[in-house]
């Protein structure tokens, strides 16, 4: 007998803001600690995905963004660490900042802070499986550059 699947799906909209070889990330406060991830979050009931994207980025980063191309939607099974009954479905768009002011100190709620990460270092920042899946897809599309070489291995 197989294990039951998730009871719920949590669908979220996430923004990829890339500038000068860096990408904007957030430090999100979860039940299990602080997690580095892309800014964004859950699409609320009755909310359009692009409206959720704009709202989430404004709430988490202080920036007003213009959504660009949709670049990835998760394909694998990703279970929420905090809510194991939820399967995470994440949709990623490229975004452009068009206003607001970046709040590096976070939002006083679920984001402990925002930071710019070098695209060459993003693999080493403790991102979740779903975000690593997105990074791999973005690299395959040529949007994040090549995967950095593994240090200390003979070739």
Protein backbone atom coordinates (compact mmCIF):
# COMPACT_ATOMS: atom_id res chain seq x y z
CA UNK A 1 0.00 0.00 0.00
CA UNK A 2 1.46 3.37 -0.96
CA UNK A 3 1.63 6.36 1.35
CA UNK A 4 -1.14 8.92 0.90
CA UNK A 5 -0.33 11.99 -1.12
CA UNK A 6 -0.49 15.55 0.15
CA UNK A 7 -3.77 16.79 1.57
CA UNK A 8 -3.27 20.29 0.15
CA UNK A 9 -1.31 22.15 -2.46
CA UNK A 10 0.29 25.47 -1.60
CA UNK A 11 0.78 27.48 -4.78
CA UNK A 12 3.15 30.41 -4.62
CA UNK A 13 4.46 33.16 -6.88
CA UNK A 14 8.18 34.05 -6.69
CA UNK A 15 10.25 36.80 -8.24
CA UNK A 16 13.71 36.61 -9.75
CA UNK A 17 15.30 40.03 -9.59
CA UNK A 18 18.74 39.92 -11.20
CA UNK A 19 21.05 42.95 -11.36
CA UNK A 20 24.80 43.32 -11.89
CA UNK A 21 25.52 39.59 -11.58
CA UNK A 22 23.51 39.31 -8.35
CA UNK A 23 20.07 37.99 -7.44
CA UNK A 24 17.82 39.21 -4.64
CA UNK A 25 17.02 36.65 -1.93
CA UNK A 26 15.14 36.76 1.36
CA UNK A 27 15.69 35.18 4.75
CA UNK A 28 12.26 33.78 5.58
CA UNK A 29 11.26 32.93 9.15
CA UNK A 30 9.76 29.42 9.31
CA UNK A 31 8.79 27.10 12.15
CA UNK A 32 12.05 25.22 11.66
CA UNK A 33 14.32 28.28 11.47
CA UNK A 34 15.43 30.79 8.86
CA UNK A 35 15.44 29.76 5.22
CA UNK A 36 17.09 31.58 2.33
CA UNK A 37 14.81 31.71 -0.68
CA UNK A 38 13.50 33.80 -3.54
CA UNK A 39 11.10 36.58 -2.54
CA UNK A 40 7.47 35.66 -2.92
CA UNK A 41 4.84 33.52 -1.32
CA UNK A 42 1.39 32.03 -1.35
CA UNK A 43 -1.27 33.00 -3.82
CA UNK A 44 -4.33 33.77 -1.73
CA UNK A 45 -7.79 32.42 -2.49
CA UNK A 46 -9.33 34.45 -5.32
CA UNK A 47 -6.07 36.26 -6.10
CA UNK A 48 -4.51 36.27 -9.56
CA UNK A 49 -0.95 34.85 -9.62
CA UNK A 50 0.64 38.04 -11.00
CA UNK A 51 -1.19 40.15 -8.41
CA UNK A 52 0.16 37.82 -5.71
CA UNK A 53 3.67 38.18 -7.12
CA UNK A 54 3.53 41.99 -7.00
CA UNK A 55 1.92 41.97 -3.51
CA UNK A 56 4.36 39.46 -2.04
CA UNK A 57 7.44 41.27 -3.32
CA UNK A 58 6.15 44.60 -2.03
CA UNK A 59 5.39 43.07 1.40
CA UNK A 60 8.69 41.19 1.67
CA UNK A 61 11.18 43.57 0.07
CA UNK A 62 9.57 47.01 -0.12
CA UNK A 63 10.01 47.03 -3.90
CA UNK A 64 7.35 47.64 -6.52
CA UNK A 65 8.01 45.23 -9.36
CA UNK A 66 6.86 44.70 -12.91
CA UNK A 67 6.47 41.01 -13.74
CA UNK A 68 8.30 39.79 -16.80
CA UNK A 69 8.45 36.38 -18.36
CA UNK A 70 7.34 33.28 -16.52
CA UNK A 71 10.49 31.18 -16.38
CA UNK A 72 9.67 28.10 -14.32
CA UNK A 73 7.04 26.19 -12.40
CA UNK A 74 8.16 23.38 -10.11
CA UNK A 75 7.94 19.94 -11.63
CA UNK A 76 9.09 17.73 -8.76
CA UNK A 77 7.33 16.78 -5.55
CA UNK A 78 8.28 19.30 -2.86
CA UNK A 79 6.80 18.83 0.59
CA UNK A 80 6.58 21.76 2.96
CA UNK A 81 8.94 21.33 5.94
CA UNK A 82 6.65 23.33 8.21
CA UNK A 83 3.37 21.86 6.94
CA UNK A 84 4.07 18.29 5.75
CA UNK A 85 0.48 17.88 4.56
CA UNK A 86 1.22 20.51 1.87
CA UNK A 87 2.85 19.97 -1.48
CA UNK A 88 4.59 23.13 -2.68
CA UNK A 89 3.97 24.33 -6.21
CA UNK A 90 6.12 27.36 -7.00
CA UNK A 91 5.87 29.58 -10.06
CA UNK A 92 8.84 31.84 -10.86
CA UNK A 93 8.81 35.03 -12.91
CA UNK A 94 11.60 37.41 -13.81
CA UNK A 95 10.78 40.80 -12.33
CA UNK A 96 12.02 44.35 -12.75
CA UNK A 97 12.05 46.85 -9.87
CA UNK A 98 10.14 49.97 -10.89
CA UNK A 99 9.70 51.69 -7.53
CA UNK A 100 9.66 51.41 -3.78
CA UNK A 101 12.70 51.13 -1.54
CA UNK A 102 14.51 47.89 -0.72
CA UNK A 103 14.19 46.99 2.98
CA UNK A 104 17.29 44.94 3.73
CA UNK A 105 16.16 44.57 7.37
CA UNK A 106 13.05 42.59 6.40
CA UNK A 107 9.39 43.31 6.90
CA UNK A 108 8.93 42.79 10.65
CA UNK A 109 6.72 39.76 9.94
CA UNK A 110 7.84 36.64 8.08
CA UNK A 111 11.02 38.00 6.46
CA UNK A 112 14.10 38.52 8.63
CA UNK A 113 15.98 40.30 5.85
CA UNK A 114 16.80 40.66 2.18
CA UNK A 115 20.21 40.35 0.58
CA UNK A 116 21.90 40.33 -2.79
CA UNK A 117 23.69 37.07 -3.65
CA UNK A 118 26.35 36.65 -6.28
CA UNK A 119 24.95 34.38 -9.01
CA UNK A 120 28.13 32.29 -8.80
CA UNK A 121 27.49 31.61 -5.08
CA UNK A 122 23.75 30.89 -5.12
CA UNK A 123 24.29 27.10 -4.94
CA UNK A 124 25.96 27.46 -1.53
CA UNK A 125 23.28 29.47 0.24
CA UNK A 126 21.10 26.72 1.70
CA UNK A 127 18.12 27.17 -0.60
CA UNK A 128 15.33 24.59 -0.54
CA UNK A 129 14.91 21.80 -3.08
CA UNK A 130 12.25 23.64 -5.05
CA UNK A 131 14.47 26.70 -5.41
CA UNK A 132 17.42 24.52 -6.49
CA UNK A 133 15.15 23.00 -9.13
CA UNK A 134 14.40 26.52 -10.36
CA UNK A 135 18.10 27.43 -10.41
CA UNK A 136 18.89 24.37 -12.54
CA UNK A 137 16.10 25.25 -14.98
CA UNK A 138 17.23 28.88 -15.17
CA UNK A 139 20.81 27.80 -15.87
CA UNK A 140 19.59 25.45 -18.60
CA UNK A 141 17.77 28.43 -20.15
CA UNK A 142 20.94 30.55 -19.90
CA UNK A 143 19.34 33.02 -17.47
CA UNK A 144 21.72 32.54 -14.52
CA UNK A 145 24.98 31.58 -16.17
CA UNK A 146 26.82 28.26 -15.88
CA UNK A 147 27.01 26.13 -12.75
CA UNK A 148 30.16 26.97 -10.80
CA UNK A 149 32.94 24.39 -10.85
CA UNK A 150 33.19 22.20 -7.76
CA UNK A 151 36.30 23.23 -5.83
CA UNK A 152 38.86 20.73 -4.65
CA UNK A 153 38.12 17.91 -7.09
CA UNK A 154 40.52 16.46 -9.60
CA UNK A 155 39.37 16.64 -13.18
